Amino acid sequence: MSATITLHPYITGAEIQLEVNGSTVGDCIADAIKTYPAMEGKIFAKPGKLKGYVEIYVNGNPTVPKELDYPVNDGDHINLLVYLAGG
């Protein structure tokens, strides 16, 4: 399946949109990591486990509790958001 993923500036230095392939959010993120390998360390606490400040939406819908196993269809839009606090 082909989808579009939007990556938060924290991950890539600027907001980026990529065409990715996969049948789940996890597959699509793995495809994006091929282009931006450094993002893996920024979004995963350990393999298969997202860091607490990362949230993923597909077509505006939260993917919790399935997260990485959430299904993706052709034409879907994935938003990978990073919630950061500062002072």
PDB file of N, CA and C in Angstrom:
ATOM      1  N   MET A   1       0.839  -1.174   0.000  1.00  0.00           N
ATOM      2  CA  MET A   1       0.000   0.000   0.000  1.00  0.00           C
ATOM      3  C   MET A   1       0.890   1.245   0.000  1.00  0.00           C
ATOM      4  N   SER A   2       0.461   2.252  -0.695  1.00  0.00           N
ATOM      5  CA  SER A   2       1.201   3.504  -0.743  1.00  0.00           C
ATOM      6  C   SER A   2       0.480   4.540   0.111  1.00  0.00           C
ATOM      7  N   ALA A   3       1.228   5.196   0.974  1.00  0.00           N
ATOM      8  CA  ALA A   3       0.680   6.218   1.860  1.00  0.00           C
ATOM      9  C   ALA A   3       1.669   7.381   1.920  1.00  0.00           C
ATOM     10  N   THR A   4       1.211   8.480   2.491  1.00  0.00           N
ATOM     11  CA  THR A   4       2.072   9.633   2.726  1.00  0.00           C
ATOM     12  C   THR A   4       2.293   9.750   4.222  1.00  0.00           C
ATOM     13  N   ILE A   5       3.536   9.995   4.618  1.00  0.00           N
ATOM     14  CA  ILE A   5       3.846  10.195   6.029  1.00  0.00           C
ATOM     15  C   ILE A   5       4.442  11.587   6.195  1.00  0.00           C
ATOM     16  N   THR A   6       3.970  12.289   7.212  1.00  0.00           N
ATOM     17  CA  THR A   6       4.528  13.593   7.564  1.00  0.00           C
ATOM     18  C   THR A   6       5.369  13.400   8.820  1.00  0.00           C
ATOM     19  N   LEU A   7       6.629  13.807   8.727  1.00  0.00           N
ATOM     20  CA  LEU A   7       7.575  13.659   9.830  1.00  0.00           C
ATOM     21  C   LEU A   7       7.772  15.003  10.519  1.00  0.00           C
ATOM     22  N   HIS A   8       7.686  15.001  11.819  1.00  0.00           N
ATOM     23  CA  HIS A   8       7.865  16.189  12.655  1.00  0.00           C
ATOM     24  C   HIS A   8       9.284  16.745  12.494  1.00  0.00           C
ATOM     25  N   PRO A   9       9.452  18.073  12.559  1.00  0.00           N
ATOM     26  CA  PRO A   9      10.796  18.668  12.411  1.00  0.00           C
ATOM     27  C   PRO A   9      11.842  18.133  13.390  1.00  0.00           C
ATOM     28  N   TYR A  10      11.426  17.698  14.580  1.00  0.00           N
ATOM     29  CA  TYR A  10      12.387  17.128  15.530  1.00  0.00           C
ATOM     30  C   TYR A  10      13.082  15.906  14.932  1.00  0.00           C
ATOM     31  N   ILE A  11      12.394  15.196  14.089  1.00  0.00           N
ATOM     32  CA  ILE A  11      12.907  13.948  13.537  1.00  0.00           C
ATOM     33  C   ILE A  11      13.893  14.194  12.398  1.00  0.00           C
ATOM     34  N   THR A  12      13.597  15.171  11.547  1.00  0.00           N
ATOM     35  CA  THR A  12      14.391  15.352  10.328  1.00  0.00           C
ATOM     36  C   THR A  12      15.011  16.738  10.182  1.00  0.00           C
ATOM     37  N   GLY A  13      14.731  17.656  11.106  1.00  0.00           N
ATOM     38  CA  GLY A  13      15.263  19.018  11.012  1.00  0.00           C
ATOM     39  C   GLY A  13      14.307  19.976  10.320  1.00  0.00           C
ATOM     40  N   ALA A  14      13.331  19.452   9.595  1.00  0.00           N
ATOM     41  CA  ALA A  14      12.279  20.233   8.952  1.00  0.00           C
ATOM     42  C   ALA A  14      11.093  19.296   8.750  1.00  0.00           C
ATOM     43  N   GLU A  15       9.899  19.855   8.665  1.00  0.00           N
ATOM     44  CA  GLU A  15       8.744  18.994   8.401  1.00  0.00           C
ATOM     45  C   GLU A  15       8.870  18.427   6.994  1.00  0.00           C
ATOM     46  N   ILE A  16       8.795  17.116   6.896  1.00  0.00           N
ATOM     47  CA  ILE A  16       9.002  16.409   5.630  1.00  0.00           C
ATOM     48  C   ILE A  16       7.793  15.522   5.348  1.00  0.00           C
ATOM     49  N   GLN A  17       7.395  15.449   4.089  1.00  0.00           N
ATOM     50  CA  GLN A  17       6.393  14.479   3.664  1.00  0.00           C
ATOM     51  C   GLN A  17       7.050  13.497   2.706  1.00  0.00           C
ATOM     52  N   LEU A  18       6.797  12.218   2.943  1.00  0.00           N
ATOM     53  CA  LEU A  18       7.358  11.150   2.112  1.00  0.00           C
ATOM     54  C   LEU A  18       6.262  10.208   1.649  1.00  0.00           C
ATOM     55  N   GLU A  19       6.446   9.652   0.480  1.00  0.00           N
ATOM     56  CA  GLU A  19       5.623   8.531   0.046  1.00  0.00           C
ATOM     57  C   GLU A  19       6.268   7.274   0.623  1.00  0.00           C
ATOM     58  N   VAL A  20       5.471   6.463   1.301  1.00  0.00           N
ATOM     59  CA  VAL A  20       5.981   5.232   1.906  1.00  0.00           C
ATOM     60  C   VAL A  20       5.075   4.071   1.515  1.00  0.00           C
ATOM     61  N   ASN A  21       5.594   2.873   1.690  1.00  0.00           N
ATOM     62  CA  ASN A  21       4.839   1.666   1.381  1.00  0.00           C
ATOM     63  C   ASN A  21       4.756   0.777   2.600  1.00  0.00           C
ATOM     64  N   GLY A  22       3.603   0.136   2.764  1.00  0.00           N
ATOM     65  CA  GLY A  22       3.416  -0.798   3.854  1.00  0.00           C
ATOM     66  C   GLY A  22       1.947  -1.028   4.119  1.00  0.00           C
ATOM     67  N   SER A  23       1.635  -2.098   4.810  1.00  0.00           N
ATOM     68  CA  SER A  23       0.245  -2.402   5.139  1.00  0.00           C
ATOM     69  C   SER A  23      -0.105  -2.029   6.572  1.00  0.00           C
ATOM     70  N   THR A  24       0.936  -1.638   7.359  1.00  0.00           N
ATOM     71  CA  THR A  24       0.720  -1.169   8.732  1.00  0.00           C
ATOM     72  C   THR A  24       1.552   0.087   8.952  1.00  0.00           C
ATOM     73  N   VAL A  25       1.235   0.784  10.034  1.00  0.00           N
ATOM     74  CA  VAL A  25       2.025   1.965  10.396  1.00  0.00           C
ATOM     75  C   VAL A  25       3.484   1.570  10.589  1.00  0.00           C
ATOM     76  N   GLY A  26       3.734   0.445  11.244  1.00  0.00           N
ATOM     77  CA  GLY A  26       5.109  -0.007  11.464  1.00  0.00           C
ATOM     78  C   GLY A  26       5.864  -0.247  10.165  1.00  0.00           C
ATOM     79  N   ASP A  27       5.190  -0.851   9.184  1.00  0.00           N
ATOM     80  CA  ASP A  27       5.808  -1.070   7.870  1.00  0.00           C
ATOM     81  C   ASP A  27       6.163   0.264   7.221  1.00  0.00           C
ATOM     82  N   CYS A  28       5.252   1.223   7.304  1.00  0.00           N
ATOM     83  CA  CYS A  28       5.476   2.533   6.682  1.00  0.00           C
ATOM     84  C   CYS A  28       6.606   3.291   7.364  1.00  0.00           C
ATOM     85  N   ILE A  29       6.680   3.193   8.692  1.00  0.00           N
ATOM     86  CA  ILE A  29       7.785   3.833   9.412  1.00  0.00           C
ATOM     87  C   ILE A  29       9.107   3.172   9.031  1.00  0.00           C
ATOM     88  N   ALA A  30       9.124   1.856   8.923  1.00  0.00           N
ATOM     89  CA  ALA A  30      10.346   1.154   8.512  1.00  0.00           C
ATOM     90  C   ALA A  30      10.785   1.621   7.126  1.00  0.00           C
ATOM     91  N   ASP A  31       9.831   1.870   6.246  1.00  0.00           N
ATOM     92  CA  ASP A  31      10.152   2.364   4.907  1.00  0.00           C
ATOM     93  C   ASP A  31      10.737   3.778   4.986  1.00  0.00           C
ATOM     94  N   ALA A  32      10.184   4.623   5.854  1.00  0.00           N
ATOM     95  CA  ALA A  32      10.702   5.984   6.029  1.00  0.00           C
ATOM     96  C   ALA A  32      12.108   5.967   6.632  1.00  0.00           C
ATOM     97  N   ILE A  33      12.384   5.012   7.500  1.00  0.00           N
ATOM     98  CA  ILE A  33      13.708   4.899   8.132  1.00  0.00           C
ATOM     99  C   ILE A  33      14.783   4.608   7.087  1.00  0.00           C
ATOM    100  N   LYS A  34      14.411   3.969   5.984  1.00  0.00           N
ATOM    101  CA  LYS A  34      15.377   3.736   4.905  1.00  0.00           C
ATOM    102  C   LYS A  34      15.905   5.062   4.353  1.00  0.00           C
ATOM    103  N   THR A  35      15.053   6.089   4.331  1.00  0.00           N
ATOM    104  CA  THR A  35      15.442   7.407   3.838  1.00  0.00           C
ATOM    105  C   THR A  35      16.078   8.248   4.943  1.00  0.00           C
ATOM    106  N   TYR A  36      15.553   8.142   6.162  1.00  0.00           N
ATOM    107  CA  TYR A  36      16.047   8.923   7.309  1.00  0.00           C
ATOM    108  C   TYR A  36      16.422   7.968   8.445  1.00  0.00           C
ATOM    109  N   PRO A  37      17.566   7.278   8.343  1.00  0.00           N
ATOM    110  CA  PRO A  37      17.931   6.269   9.355  1.00  0.00           C
ATOM    111  C   PRO A  37      18.046   6.821  10.773  1.00  0.00           C
ATOM    112  N   ALA A  38      18.425   8.080  10.937  1.00  0.00           N
ATOM    113  CA  ALA A  38      18.593   8.655  12.274  1.00  0.00           C
ATOM    114  C   ALA A  38      17.267   8.774  13.016  1.00  0.00           C
ATOM    115  N   MET A  39      16.159   8.748  12.299  1.00  0.00           N
ATOM    116  CA  MET A  39      14.863   8.896  12.961  1.00  0.00           C
ATOM    117  C   MET A  39      14.562   7.720  13.882  1.00  0.00           C
ATOM    118  N   GLU A  40      15.143   6.577  13.591  1.00  0.00           N
ATOM    119  CA  GLU A  40      14.868   5.388  14.403  1.00  0.00           C
ATOM    120  C   GLU A  40      15.189   5.637  15.868  1.00  0.00           C
ATOM    121  N   GLY A  41      16.346   6.206  16.146  1.00  0.00           N
ATOM    122  CA  GLY A  41      16.745   6.487  17.528  1.00  0.00           C
ATOM    123  C   GLY A  41      15.941   7.592  18.180  1.00  0.00           C
ATOM    124  N   LYS A  42      15.326   8.442  17.368  1.00  0.00           N
ATOM    125  CA  LYS A  42      14.544   9.551  17.911  1.00  0.00           C
ATOM    126  C   LYS A  42      13.116   9.145  18.267  1.00  0.00           C
ATOM    127  N   ILE A  43      12.598   8.080  17.653  1.00  0.00           N
ATOM    128  CA  ILE A  43      11.201   7.725  17.912  1.00  0.00           C
ATOM    129  C   ILE A  43      11.005   6.404  18.654  1.00  0.00           C
ATOM    130  N   PHE A  44      12.037   5.548  18.667  1.00  0.00           N
ATOM    131  CA  PHE A  44      11.902   4.258  19.342  1.00  0.00           C
ATOM    132  C   PHE A  44      12.720   4.202  20.626  1.00  0.00           C
ATOM    133  N   ALA A  45      12.067   3.750  21.716  1.00  0.00           N
ATOM    134  CA  ALA A  45      12.754   3.515  22.987  1.00  0.00           C
ATOM    135  C   ALA A  45      13.556   2.212  22.891  1.00  0.00           C
ATOM    136  N   LYS A  46      12.989   1.236  22.205  1.00  0.00           N
ATOM    137  CA  LYS A  46      13.626  -0.045  21.905  1.00  0.00           C
ATOM    138  C   LYS A  46      12.896  -0.587  20.688  1.00  0.00           C
ATOM    139  N   PRO A  47      13.414  -1.594  20.043  1.00  0.00           N
ATOM    140  CA  PRO A  47      12.749  -2.101  18.834  1.00  0.00           C
ATOM    141  C   PRO A  47      11.267  -2.417  19.085  1.00  0.00           C
ATOM    142  N   GLY A  48      10.408  -1.831  18.276  1.00  0.00           N
ATOM    143  CA  GLY A  48       8.982  -2.076  18.385  1.00  0.00           C
ATOM    144  C   GLY A  48       8.254  -1.286  19.441  1.00  0.00           C
ATOM    145  N   LYS A  49       8.964  -0.428  20.185  1.00  0.00           N
ATOM    146  CA  LYS A  49       8.355   0.355  21.273  1.00  0.00           C
ATOM    147  C   LYS A  49       8.640   1.833  21.054  1.00  0.00           C
ATOM    148  N   LEU A  50       7.583   2.600  20.760  1.00  0.00           N
ATOM    149  CA  LEU A  50       7.742   4.039  20.549  1.00  0.00           C
ATOM    150  C   LEU A  50       8.070   4.747  21.854  1.00  0.00           C
ATOM    151  N   LYS A  51       8.826   5.834  21.752  1.00  0.00           N
ATOM    152  CA  LYS A  51       9.080   6.672  22.920  1.00  0.00           C
ATOM    153  C   LYS A  51       7.767   7.312  23.345  1.00  0.00           C
ATOM    154  N   GLY A  52       7.673   7.671  24.602  1.00  0.00           N
ATOM    155  CA  GLY A  52       6.438   8.193  25.174  1.00  0.00           C
ATOM    156  C   GLY A  52       5.947   9.491  24.559  1.00  0.00           C
ATOM    157  N   TYR A  53       6.847  10.267  23.977  1.00  0.00           N
ATOM    158  CA  TYR A  53       6.441  11.557  23.417  1.00  0.00           C
ATOM    159  C   TYR A  53       6.082  11.487  21.933  1.00  0.00           C
ATOM    160  N   VAL A  54       6.008  10.289  21.370  1.00  0.00           N
ATOM    161  CA  VAL A  54       5.663  10.108  19.956  1.00  0.00           C
ATOM    162  C   VAL A  54       4.210   9.628  19.850  1.00  0.00           C
ATOM    163  N   GLU A  55       3.443  10.305  19.018  1.00  0.00           N
ATOM    164  CA  GLU A  55       2.083   9.870  18.734  1.00  0.00           C
ATOM    165  C   GLU A  55       1.897   9.783  17.229  1.00  0.00           C
ATOM    166  N   ILE A  56       1.076   8.832  16.809  1.00  0.00           N
ATOM    167  CA  ILE A  56       0.858   8.601  15.389  1.00  0.00           C
ATOM    168  C   ILE A  56      -0.642   8.665  15.094  1.00  0.00           C
ATOM    169  N   TYR A  57      -0.957   9.353  14.008  1.00  0.00           N
ATOM    170  CA  TYR A  57      -2.336   9.461  13.546  1.00  0.00           C
ATOM    171  C   TYR A  57      -2.408   9.005  12.094  1.00  0.00           C
ATOM    172  N   VAL A  58      -3.487   8.322  11.743  1.00  0.00           N
ATOM    173  CA  VAL A  58      -3.740   7.944  10.354  1.00  0.00           C
ATOM    174  C   VAL A  58      -5.054   8.610   9.954  1.00  0.00           C
ATOM    175  N   ASN A  59      -4.968   9.470   8.952  1.00  0.00           N
ATOM    176  CA  ASN A  59      -6.139  10.228   8.492  1.00  0.00           C
ATOM    177  C   ASN A  59      -6.804  10.977   9.643  1.00  0.00           C
ATOM    178  N   GLY A  60      -5.973  11.485  10.569  1.00  0.00           N
ATOM    179  CA  GLY A  60      -6.477  12.256  11.698  1.00  0.00           C
ATOM    180  C   GLY A  60      -6.959  11.425  12.873  1.00  0.00           C
ATOM    181  N   ASN A  61      -6.914  10.114  12.752  1.00  0.00           N
ATOM    182  CA  ASN A  61      -7.373   9.231  13.831  1.00  0.00           C
ATOM    183  C   ASN A  61      -6.187   8.690  14.620  1.00  0.00           C
ATOM    184  N   PRO A  62      -6.266   8.730  15.958  1.00  0.00           N
ATOM    185  CA  PRO A  62      -5.174   8.169  16.757  1.00  0.00           C
ATOM    186  C   PRO A  62      -5.042   6.665  16.525  1.00  0.00           C
ATOM    187  N   THR A  63      -3.820   6.176  16.556  1.00  0.00           N
ATOM    188  CA  THR A  63      -3.575   4.757  16.295  1.00  0.00           C
ATOM    189  C   THR A  63      -3.499   3.918  17.562  1.00  0.00           C
ATOM    190  N   VAL A  64      -3.608   4.532  18.719  1.00  0.00           N
ATOM    191  CA  VAL A  64      -3.564   3.815  19.996  1.00  0.00           C
ATOM    192  C   VAL A  64      -4.803   2.941  20.092  1.00  0.00           C
ATOM    193  N   PRO A  65      -4.749   1.724  20.540  1.00  0.00           N
ATOM    194  CA  PRO A  65      -3.621   1.037  21.142  1.00  0.00           C
ATOM    195  C   PRO A  65      -2.788   0.217  20.151  1.00  0.00           C
ATOM    196  N   LYS A  66      -3.229   0.102  18.896  1.00  0.00           N
ATOM    197  CA  LYS A  66      -2.503  -0.740  17.943  1.00  0.00           C
ATOM    198  C   LYS A  66      -1.165  -0.149  17.532  1.00  0.00           C
ATOM    199  N   GLU A  67      -1.062   1.176  17.498  1.00  0.00           N
ATOM    200  CA  GLU A  67       0.120   1.924  17.072  1.00  0.00           C
ATOM    201  C   GLU A  67       0.796   1.340  15.844  1.00  0.00           C
ATOM    202  N   LEU A  68       1.859   0.590  16.007  1.00  0.00           N
ATOM    203  CA  LEU A  68       2.640   0.102  14.870  1.00  0.00           C
ATOM    204  C   LEU A  68       1.901  -0.956  14.056  1.00  0.00           C
ATOM    205  N   ASP A  69       0.927  -1.622  14.660  1.00  0.00           N
ATOM    206  CA  ASP A  69       0.142  -2.640  13.954  1.00  0.00           C
ATOM    207  C   ASP A  69      -1.120  -2.062  13.306  1.00  0.00           C
ATOM    208  N   TYR A  70      -1.321  -0.761  13.436  1.00  0.00           N
ATOM    209  CA  TYR A  70      -2.503  -0.108  12.874  1.00  0.00           C
ATOM    210  C   TYR A  70      -2.482  -0.254  11.354  1.00  0.00           C
ATOM    211  N   PRO A  71      -3.590  -0.692  10.739  1.00  0.00           N
ATOM    212  CA  PRO A  71      -3.595  -0.915   9.285  1.00  0.00           C
ATOM    213  C   PRO A  71      -3.549   0.385   8.481  1.00  0.00           C
ATOM    214  N   VAL A  72      -2.892   0.315   7.336  1.00  0.00           N
ATOM    215  CA  VAL A  72      -2.770   1.445   6.415  1.00  0.00           C
ATOM    216  C   VAL A  72      -3.291   1.005   5.049  1.00  0.00           C
ATOM    217  N   ASN A  73      -4.072   1.878   4.428  1.00  0.00           N
ATOM    218  CA  ASN A  73      -4.627   1.624   3.100  1.00  0.00           C
ATOM    219  C   ASN A  73      -4.024   2.581   2.086  1.00  0.00           C
ATOM    220  N   ASP A  74      -4.146   2.242   0.819  1.00  0.00           N
ATOM    221  CA  ASP A  74      -3.674   3.133  -0.246  1.00  0.00           C
ATOM    222  C   ASP A  74      -4.255   4.528  -0.061  1.00  0.00           C
ATOM    223  N   GLY A  75      -3.385   5.536  -0.161  1.00  0.00           N
ATOM    224  CA  GLY A  75      -3.821   6.921  -0.078  1.00  0.00           C
ATOM    225  C   GLY A  75      -3.952   7.476   1.328  1.00  0.00           C
ATOM    226  N   ASP A  76      -3.723   6.665   2.349  1.00  0.00           N
ATOM    227  CA  ASP A  76      -3.807   7.154   3.727  1.00  0.00           C
ATOM    228  C   ASP A  76      -2.706   8.171   4.011  1.00  0.00           C
ATOM    229  N   HIS A  77      -2.981   9.035   4.993  1.00  0.00           N
ATOM    230  CA  HIS A  77      -1.981  10.010   5.439  1.00  0.00           C
ATOM    231  C   HIS A  77      -1.633   9.712   6.886  1.00  0.00           C
ATOM    232  N   ILE A  78      -0.340   9.514   7.136  1.00  0.00           N
ATOM    233  CA  ILE A  78       0.166   9.215   8.488  1.00  0.00           C
ATOM    234  C   ILE A  78       0.868  10.465   8.996  1.00  0.00           C
ATOM    235  N   ASN A  79       0.506  10.881  10.198  1.00  0.00           N
ATOM    236  CA  ASN A  79       1.200  11.991  10.869  1.00  0.00           C
ATOM    237  C   ASN A  79       1.983  11.421  12.031  1.00  0.00           C
ATOM    238  N   LEU A  80       3.269  11.637  12.044  1.00  0.00           N
ATOM    239  CA  LEU A  80       4.115  11.205  13.146  1.00  0.00           C
ATOM    240  C   LEU A  80       4.457  12.462  13.930  1.00  0.00           C
ATOM    241  N   LEU A  81       3.839  12.607  15.107  1.00  0.00           N
ATOM    242  CA  LEU A  81       3.991  13.809  15.922  1.00  0.00           C
ATOM    243  C   LEU A  81       4.901  13.536  17.109  1.00  0.00           C
ATOM    244  N   VAL A  82       5.651  14.551  17.471  1.00  0.00           N
ATOM    245  CA  VAL A  82       6.524  14.488  18.640  1.00  0.00           C
ATOM    246  C   VAL A  82       6.119  15.619  19.571  1.00  0.00           C
ATOM    247  N   TYR A  83       5.745  15.265  20.785  1.00  0.00           N
ATOM    248  CA  TYR A  83       5.340  16.260  21.766  1.00  0.00           C
ATOM    249  C   TYR A  83       6.538  16.596  22.644  1.00  0.00           C
ATOM    250  N   LEU A  84       6.992  17.816  22.522  1.00  0.00           N
ATOM    251  CA  LEU A  84       8.141  18.289  23.282  1.00  0.00           C
ATOM    252  C   LEU A  84       7.726  19.466  24.145  1.00  0.00           C
ATOM    253  N   ALA A  85       8.329  19.594  25.290  1.00  0.00           N
ATOM    254  CA  ALA A  85       8.061  20.719  26.193  1.00  0.00           C
ATOM    255  C   ALA A  85       9.333  21.537  26.317  1.00  0.00           C
ATOM    256  N   GLY A  86       9.158  22.753  26.604  1.00  0.00           N
ATOM    257  CA  GLY A  86      10.332  23.630  26.764  1.00  0.00           C
ATOM    258  C   GLY A  86       9.978  24.801  27.650  1.00  0.00           C
ATOM    259  N   GLY A  87      10.975  25.557  27.899  1.00  0.00           N
ATOM    260  CA  GLY A  87      10.722  26.706  28.774  1.00  0.00           C
ATOM    261  C   GLY A  87      11.399  27.925  28.264  1.00  0.00           C
TER     262      GLY A  87
END
